[in-house]
Amino acid sequence: MPDRLTREEVERIAALASLELTPEEIDTFVPQLAEILEYARLVQQIDTTGVPPTSHGLAAAPVDREDEPRPSLDRDEAIAAAPDGAPHAGLFRVPRVIG
């Protein structure tokens, strides 16, 4: 696997993606990104003559179930079981998952 990517290119890519990388992370990503780009180059060489464009790998469209209303957990029961519920407001706190 040839390293066609330089540290400077990885730093530029990181800057475009608004990523702050340590010198150790840059050293790790140089060969990894080079390998990914090499694989993409190999995939581009595959002869796809006569292969129609597709949106997914399945021959048939995905089958979705009908959207049928059915009973669910009672709102008051859910709030009562919540660790930090606010029954008067109909709310409860969940763990923060972003930022």
Foldseek 3Di string as FASTA:
>chain_A
DDQPFDLVNLVVVCVVVVHDDDPVVSVVVSVVVSVVVVVVVVVVPDDCVPPDDDPDDDPDDDDDDDDDDDDDDDLVVVQVPAPAHDVVVSDGDDDDDDD
